[in-house]
């Protein structure tokens, strides 16, 4: 997650291999930066249209879409957003925990 201490520098956004980071107030899509398109069934069983716009998670600061975040598993040794953040506001979300296996499965699902 990105905390309210975010200074909106945007350093994190281009580092995300899943395009899971968006500027505050901008809509997001499952298809952005992934191999997903059209009607899909997510790993949790929800059915969505990957090309449909979704409401912003935050209106004021950059945000991470947890449904797309893999904590860089399968890409890098550590989350790149946290590695480049100048104010250390990219942190673990205590309300959203996933195992390494779950994160890798999500990566495989999004990048067929």
N, C-alpha and C. Protein backbone atom coordinates (compact mmCIF):
# COMPACT_ATOMS: atom_id res chain seq x y z
N UNK A 1 0.84 -1.18 0.00
CA UNK A 1 0.00 0.00 0.00
C UNK A 1 0.88 1.24 0.00
N UNK A 2 0.31 2.35 -0.37
CA UNK A 2 1.01 3.63 -0.33
C UNK A 2 0.31 4.48 0.72
N UNK A 3 1.07 4.98 1.65
CA UNK A 3 0.50 5.75 2.76
C UNK A 3 0.22 7.20 2.35
N UNK A 4 -0.48 7.90 3.22
CA UNK A 4 -0.81 9.30 2.98
C UNK A 4 0.41 10.21 3.00
N UNK A 5 1.57 9.68 3.40
CA UNK A 5 2.79 10.47 3.38
C UNK A 5 3.36 10.62 1.97
N UNK A 6 2.73 9.97 0.99
CA UNK A 6 3.16 10.04 -0.40
C UNK A 6 3.27 11.50 -0.85
N UNK A 7 4.38 11.83 -1.52
CA UNK A 7 4.58 13.19 -2.02
C UNK A 7 4.24 13.30 -3.51
N UNK A 8 3.63 12.26 -4.06
CA UNK A 8 3.21 12.24 -5.47
C UNK A 8 4.35 12.48 -6.44
N UNK A 9 5.52 11.92 -6.14
CA UNK A 9 6.67 12.10 -7.03
C UNK A 9 6.56 11.21 -8.26
N UNK A 10 5.84 10.08 -8.14
CA UNK A 10 5.65 9.18 -9.27
C UNK A 10 6.79 8.22 -9.53
N UNK A 11 7.79 8.18 -8.67
CA UNK A 11 8.94 7.28 -8.88
C UNK A 11 8.53 5.81 -8.91
N UNK A 12 7.52 5.44 -8.17
CA UNK A 12 7.11 4.05 -8.05
C UNK A 12 6.38 3.52 -9.29
N UNK A 13 5.59 4.36 -9.91
CA UNK A 13 4.71 3.91 -10.99
C UNK A 13 5.42 3.17 -12.12
N UNK A 14 6.49 3.71 -12.71
CA UNK A 14 7.13 2.99 -13.82
C UNK A 14 7.91 1.75 -13.39
N UNK A 15 8.14 1.58 -12.11
CA UNK A 15 8.90 0.43 -11.62
C UNK A 15 8.05 -0.83 -11.49
N UNK A 16 6.75 -0.69 -11.48
CA UNK A 16 5.86 -1.82 -11.23
C UNK A 16 5.72 -2.70 -12.48
N UNK A 17 6.12 -3.98 -12.39
CA UNK A 17 6.03 -4.87 -13.54
C UNK A 17 4.61 -5.29 -13.89
N UNK A 18 3.66 -5.00 -13.00
CA UNK A 18 2.26 -5.38 -13.22
C UNK A 18 1.36 -4.20 -13.53
N UNK A 19 1.93 -3.02 -13.60
CA UNK A 19 1.14 -1.80 -13.77
C UNK A 19 0.03 -1.75 -12.72
N UNK A 20 0.41 -2.01 -11.47
CA UNK A 20 -0.55 -2.01 -10.36
C UNK A 20 -0.56 -0.69 -9.60
N UNK A 21 0.25 0.27 -10.01
CA UNK A 21 0.35 1.56 -9.32
C UNK A 21 -0.22 2.64 -10.23
N UNK A 22 -1.10 3.46 -9.66
CA UNK A 22 -1.77 4.51 -10.42
C UNK A 22 -1.72 5.83 -9.66
N UNK A 23 -1.73 6.89 -10.42
CA UNK A 23 -1.79 8.23 -9.83
C UNK A 23 -3.17 8.43 -9.19
N UNK A 24 -3.18 9.09 -8.05
CA UNK A 24 -4.44 9.35 -7.35
C UNK A 24 -5.48 9.96 -8.27
N UNK A 25 -6.70 9.46 -8.19
CA UNK A 25 -7.81 9.99 -8.97
C UNK A 25 -7.98 9.34 -10.34
N UNK A 26 -6.99 8.57 -10.79
CA UNK A 26 -7.11 7.94 -12.10
C UNK A 26 -7.76 6.56 -11.98
N UNK A 27 -8.60 6.24 -12.97
CA UNK A 27 -9.21 4.92 -13.02
C UNK A 27 -8.17 3.90 -13.44
N UNK A 28 -8.44 2.62 -13.16
CA UNK A 28 -7.50 1.55 -13.49
C UNK A 28 -8.24 0.40 -14.16
N UNK A 29 -7.45 -0.45 -14.86
CA UNK A 29 -7.99 -1.64 -15.54
C UNK A 29 -7.11 -2.84 -15.25
N UNK A 30 -7.70 -4.01 -15.20
CA UNK A 30 -6.92 -5.23 -15.08
C UNK A 30 -6.03 -5.43 -16.30
N UNK A 31 -6.45 -4.96 -17.45
CA UNK A 31 -5.69 -5.16 -18.68
C UNK A 31 -4.45 -4.27 -18.77
N UNK A 32 -4.40 -3.19 -18.01
CA UNK A 32 -3.24 -2.30 -18.05
C UNK A 32 -1.96 -3.05 -17.67
N UNK A 33 -1.04 -3.18 -18.61
CA UNK A 33 0.26 -3.78 -18.33
C UNK A 33 0.25 -5.28 -18.08
N UNK A 34 -0.83 -5.95 -18.42
CA UNK A 34 -0.92 -7.40 -18.23
C UNK A 34 -1.35 -8.05 -19.54
N UNK A 35 -1.45 -9.36 -19.53
CA UNK A 35 -1.94 -10.10 -20.70
C UNK A 35 -3.44 -10.34 -20.64
N UNK A 36 -4.12 -9.73 -19.68
CA UNK A 36 -5.55 -9.96 -19.50
C UNK A 36 -6.37 -9.10 -20.46
N UNK A 37 -7.47 -9.66 -20.96
CA UNK A 37 -8.36 -8.93 -21.86
C UNK A 37 -9.74 -9.55 -21.81
N UNK A 38 -10.74 -8.70 -21.99
CA UNK A 38 -12.12 -9.18 -22.05
C UNK A 38 -12.62 -9.77 -20.74
N UNK A 39 -13.60 -10.65 -20.84
CA UNK A 39 -14.20 -11.28 -19.67
C UNK A 39 -13.22 -12.28 -19.07
N UNK A 40 -12.92 -12.12 -17.78
CA UNK A 40 -11.99 -13.01 -17.08
C UNK A 40 -12.58 -13.42 -15.74
N UNK A 41 -12.10 -14.54 -15.23
CA UNK A 41 -12.43 -14.98 -13.88
C UNK A 41 -11.16 -14.89 -13.06
N UNK A 42 -11.18 -14.04 -12.04
CA UNK A 42 -10.01 -13.85 -11.19
C UNK A 42 -9.77 -15.10 -10.36
N UNK A 43 -8.58 -15.20 -9.78
CA UNK A 43 -8.22 -16.37 -8.99
C UNK A 43 -9.15 -16.60 -7.80
N UNK A 44 -9.80 -15.54 -7.33
CA UNK A 44 -10.73 -15.69 -6.20
C UNK A 44 -12.16 -16.00 -6.66
N UNK A 45 -12.34 -16.18 -7.97
CA UNK A 45 -13.64 -16.56 -8.51
C UNK A 45 -14.49 -15.40 -9.02
N UNK A 46 -14.09 -14.17 -8.75
CA UNK A 46 -14.86 -13.02 -9.25
C UNK A 46 -14.74 -12.94 -10.76
N UNK A 47 -15.84 -12.60 -11.41
CA UNK A 47 -15.84 -12.41 -12.85
C UNK A 47 -15.88 -10.92 -13.15
N UNK A 48 -14.93 -10.47 -13.98
CA UNK A 48 -14.82 -9.06 -14.32
C UNK A 48 -14.46 -8.93 -15.80
N UNK A 49 -14.59 -7.72 -16.31
CA UNK A 49 -14.11 -7.41 -17.64
C UNK A 49 -12.77 -6.71 -17.46
N UNK A 50 -11.71 -7.32 -17.97
CA UNK A 50 -10.36 -6.78 -17.78
C UNK A 50 -10.19 -5.41 -18.43
N UNK A 51 -11.01 -5.09 -19.40
CA UNK A 51 -10.88 -3.82 -20.12
C UNK A 51 -11.76 -2.71 -19.56
N UNK A 52 -12.53 -3.01 -18.52
CA UNK A 52 -13.41 -2.00 -17.92
C UNK A 52 -12.65 -1.13 -16.93
N UNK A 53 -13.03 0.14 -16.90
CA UNK A 53 -12.45 1.06 -15.93
C UNK A 53 -12.97 0.75 -14.53
N UNK A 54 -12.09 0.87 -13.56
CA UNK A 54 -12.44 0.70 -12.15
C UNK A 54 -12.17 2.01 -11.43
N UNK A 55 -12.96 2.26 -10.39
CA UNK A 55 -12.80 3.50 -9.63
C UNK A 55 -11.44 3.57 -8.96
N UNK A 56 -10.90 4.77 -8.84
CA UNK A 56 -9.62 4.94 -8.15
C UNK A 56 -9.71 4.45 -6.70
N UNK A 57 -8.61 3.89 -6.21
CA UNK A 57 -8.54 3.46 -4.81
C UNK A 57 -8.31 4.66 -3.91
N UNK A 58 -7.63 5.68 -4.42
CA UNK A 58 -7.35 6.90 -3.66
C UNK A 58 -7.47 8.08 -4.62
N UNK A 59 -7.97 9.18 -4.13
CA UNK A 59 -8.14 10.36 -4.98
C UNK A 59 -6.96 11.33 -4.88
N UNK A 60 -6.19 11.23 -3.80
CA UNK A 60 -5.18 12.25 -3.53
C UNK A 60 -3.74 11.84 -3.80
N UNK A 61 -3.40 10.59 -3.53
CA UNK A 61 -2.02 10.14 -3.69
C UNK A 61 -2.00 8.88 -4.57
N UNK A 62 -0.80 8.54 -5.05
CA UNK A 62 -0.64 7.30 -5.81
C UNK A 62 -1.18 6.14 -4.98
N UNK A 63 -1.65 5.11 -5.67
CA UNK A 63 -2.19 3.95 -4.97
C UNK A 63 -1.81 2.67 -5.68
N UNK A 64 -1.86 1.56 -4.94
CA UNK A 64 -1.57 0.24 -5.48
C UNK A 64 -2.86 -0.57 -5.52
N UNK A 65 -3.14 -1.19 -6.65
CA UNK A 65 -4.28 -2.08 -6.80
C UNK A 65 -3.84 -3.45 -6.29
N UNK A 66 -4.32 -3.85 -5.13
CA UNK A 66 -3.88 -5.11 -4.53
C UNK A 66 -4.21 -6.31 -5.41
N UNK A 67 -5.27 -6.25 -6.19
CA UNK A 67 -5.62 -7.35 -7.09
C UNK A 67 -4.59 -7.56 -8.19
N UNK A 68 -3.74 -6.56 -8.44
CA UNK A 68 -2.72 -6.68 -9.48
C UNK A 68 -1.31 -6.77 -8.90
N UNK A 69 -1.12 -6.43 -7.64
CA UNK A 69 0.20 -6.40 -7.03
C UNK A 69 0.67 -7.81 -6.68
N UNK A 70 1.91 -8.12 -7.09
CA UNK A 70 2.52 -9.41 -6.76
C UNK A 70 3.73 -9.21 -5.86
N UNK A 71 3.89 -8.00 -5.32
CA UNK A 71 5.07 -7.66 -4.51
C UNK A 71 6.35 -7.98 -5.27
N UNK A 72 6.26 -7.91 -6.60
CA UNK A 72 7.36 -8.15 -7.53
C UNK A 72 7.86 -9.60 -7.53
N UNK A 73 7.10 -10.53 -6.92
CA UNK A 73 7.47 -11.95 -6.94
C UNK A 73 7.53 -12.42 -8.40
N UNK A 74 8.60 -13.13 -8.73
CA UNK A 74 8.77 -13.62 -10.08
C UNK A 74 9.43 -12.62 -11.01
N UNK A 75 9.64 -11.40 -10.54
CA UNK A 75 10.28 -10.36 -11.33
C UNK A 75 11.57 -9.86 -10.68
N UNK A 76 11.48 -9.52 -9.39
CA UNK A 76 12.60 -8.92 -8.66
C UNK A 76 12.69 -9.55 -7.27
N UNK A 77 13.81 -9.33 -6.60
CA UNK A 77 14.01 -9.88 -5.26
C UNK A 77 13.27 -9.12 -4.17
N UNK A 78 12.87 -7.87 -4.47
CA UNK A 78 12.13 -7.06 -3.50
C UNK A 78 11.15 -6.17 -4.25
N UNK A 79 10.11 -5.71 -3.57
CA UNK A 79 9.17 -4.80 -4.22
C UNK A 79 9.88 -3.53 -4.69
N UNK A 80 9.80 -3.28 -5.97
CA UNK A 80 10.51 -2.14 -6.54
C UNK A 80 9.94 -0.80 -6.12
N UNK A 81 8.64 -0.73 -5.86
CA UNK A 81 8.06 0.54 -5.42
C UNK A 81 8.70 0.99 -4.11
N UNK A 82 8.86 0.05 -3.18
CA UNK A 82 9.48 0.37 -1.89
C UNK A 82 10.95 0.72 -2.06
N UNK A 83 11.61 0.06 -3.00
CA UNK A 83 13.04 0.30 -3.21
C UNK A 83 13.32 1.71 -3.73
N UNK A 84 12.42 2.27 -4.54
CA UNK A 84 12.66 3.59 -5.13
C UNK A 84 11.97 4.74 -4.42
N UNK A 85 11.07 4.46 -3.50
CA UNK A 85 10.30 5.52 -2.83
C UNK A 85 11.22 6.39 -1.95
N UNK A 86 11.28 7.69 -2.23
CA UNK A 86 12.17 8.56 -1.46
C UNK A 86 11.67 8.86 -0.04
N UNK A 87 10.41 8.61 0.24
CA UNK A 87 9.87 8.90 1.58
C UNK A 87 9.36 7.65 2.28
N UNK A 88 9.70 6.49 1.78
CA UNK A 88 9.36 5.20 2.40
C UNK A 88 7.86 5.06 2.70
N UNK A 89 7.03 5.43 1.74
CA UNK A 89 5.59 5.31 1.96
C UNK A 89 4.97 4.11 1.26
N UNK A 90 5.78 3.32 0.54
CA UNK A 90 5.31 2.07 -0.06
C UNK A 90 5.63 0.96 0.94
N UNK A 91 4.59 0.49 1.63
CA UNK A 91 4.78 -0.44 2.73
C UNK A 91 3.82 -1.62 2.62
N UNK A 92 4.08 -2.67 3.40
CA UNK A 92 3.16 -3.80 3.47
C UNK A 92 1.80 -3.33 3.97
N UNK A 93 0.75 -3.87 3.38
CA UNK A 93 -0.61 -3.58 3.81
C UNK A 93 -1.01 -4.62 4.85
N UNK A 94 -1.17 -4.23 6.11
CA UNK A 94 -1.49 -5.21 7.15
C UNK A 94 -2.86 -5.87 6.95
N UNK A 95 -3.72 -5.26 6.14
CA UNK A 95 -5.05 -5.81 5.89
C UNK A 95 -5.10 -6.71 4.66
N UNK A 96 -3.95 -6.88 3.98
CA UNK A 96 -3.93 -7.68 2.76
C UNK A 96 -2.64 -8.48 2.72
N UNK A 97 -2.72 -9.73 3.13
CA UNK A 97 -1.55 -10.62 3.16
C UNK A 97 -1.74 -11.76 2.17
N UNK A 98 -0.67 -12.06 1.41
CA UNK A 98 -0.68 -13.17 0.48
C UNK A 98 0.63 -13.92 0.60
N UNK A 99 0.57 -15.24 0.42
CA UNK A 99 1.78 -16.06 0.47
C UNK A 99 2.57 -15.89 -0.83
N UNK A 100 3.80 -16.34 -0.81
CA UNK A 100 4.62 -16.30 -2.02
C UNK A 100 3.96 -17.10 -3.13
N UNK A 101 3.37 -18.23 -2.78
CA UNK A 101 2.69 -19.05 -3.78
C UNK A 101 1.51 -18.32 -4.40
N UNK A 102 0.73 -17.61 -3.58
CA UNK A 102 -0.40 -16.86 -4.09
C UNK A 102 0.06 -15.73 -5.01
N UNK A 103 1.13 -15.05 -4.63
CA UNK A 103 1.65 -13.96 -5.44
C UNK A 103 2.19 -14.46 -6.77
N UNK A 104 2.89 -15.59 -6.76
CA UNK A 104 3.40 -16.17 -8.00
C UNK A 104 2.27 -16.66 -8.90
N UNK A 105 1.22 -17.21 -8.31
CA UNK A 105 0.06 -17.64 -9.09
C UNK A 105 -0.61 -16.44 -9.76
N UNK A 106 -0.69 -15.33 -9.03
CA UNK A 106 -1.28 -14.11 -9.59
C UNK A 106 -0.43 -13.60 -10.76
N UNK A 107 0.89 -13.64 -10.60
CA UNK A 107 1.80 -13.23 -11.67
C UNK A 107 1.57 -14.08 -12.91
N UNK A 108 1.52 -15.40 -12.75
CA UNK A 108 1.31 -16.29 -13.88
C UNK A 108 -0.03 -16.04 -14.55
N UNK A 109 -1.05 -15.76 -13.75
CA UNK A 109 -2.39 -15.49 -14.28
C UNK A 109 -2.40 -14.22 -15.13
N UNK A 110 -1.74 -13.18 -14.66
CA UNK A 110 -1.77 -11.89 -15.35
C UNK A 110 -0.85 -11.84 -16.56
N UNK A 111 0.21 -12.64 -16.55
CA UNK A 111 1.20 -12.59 -17.62
C UNK A 111 1.31 -13.97 -18.28
N UNK A 112 0.25 -14.36 -18.98
CA UNK A 112 0.16 -15.68 -19.62
C UNK A 112 1.30 -15.91 -20.61
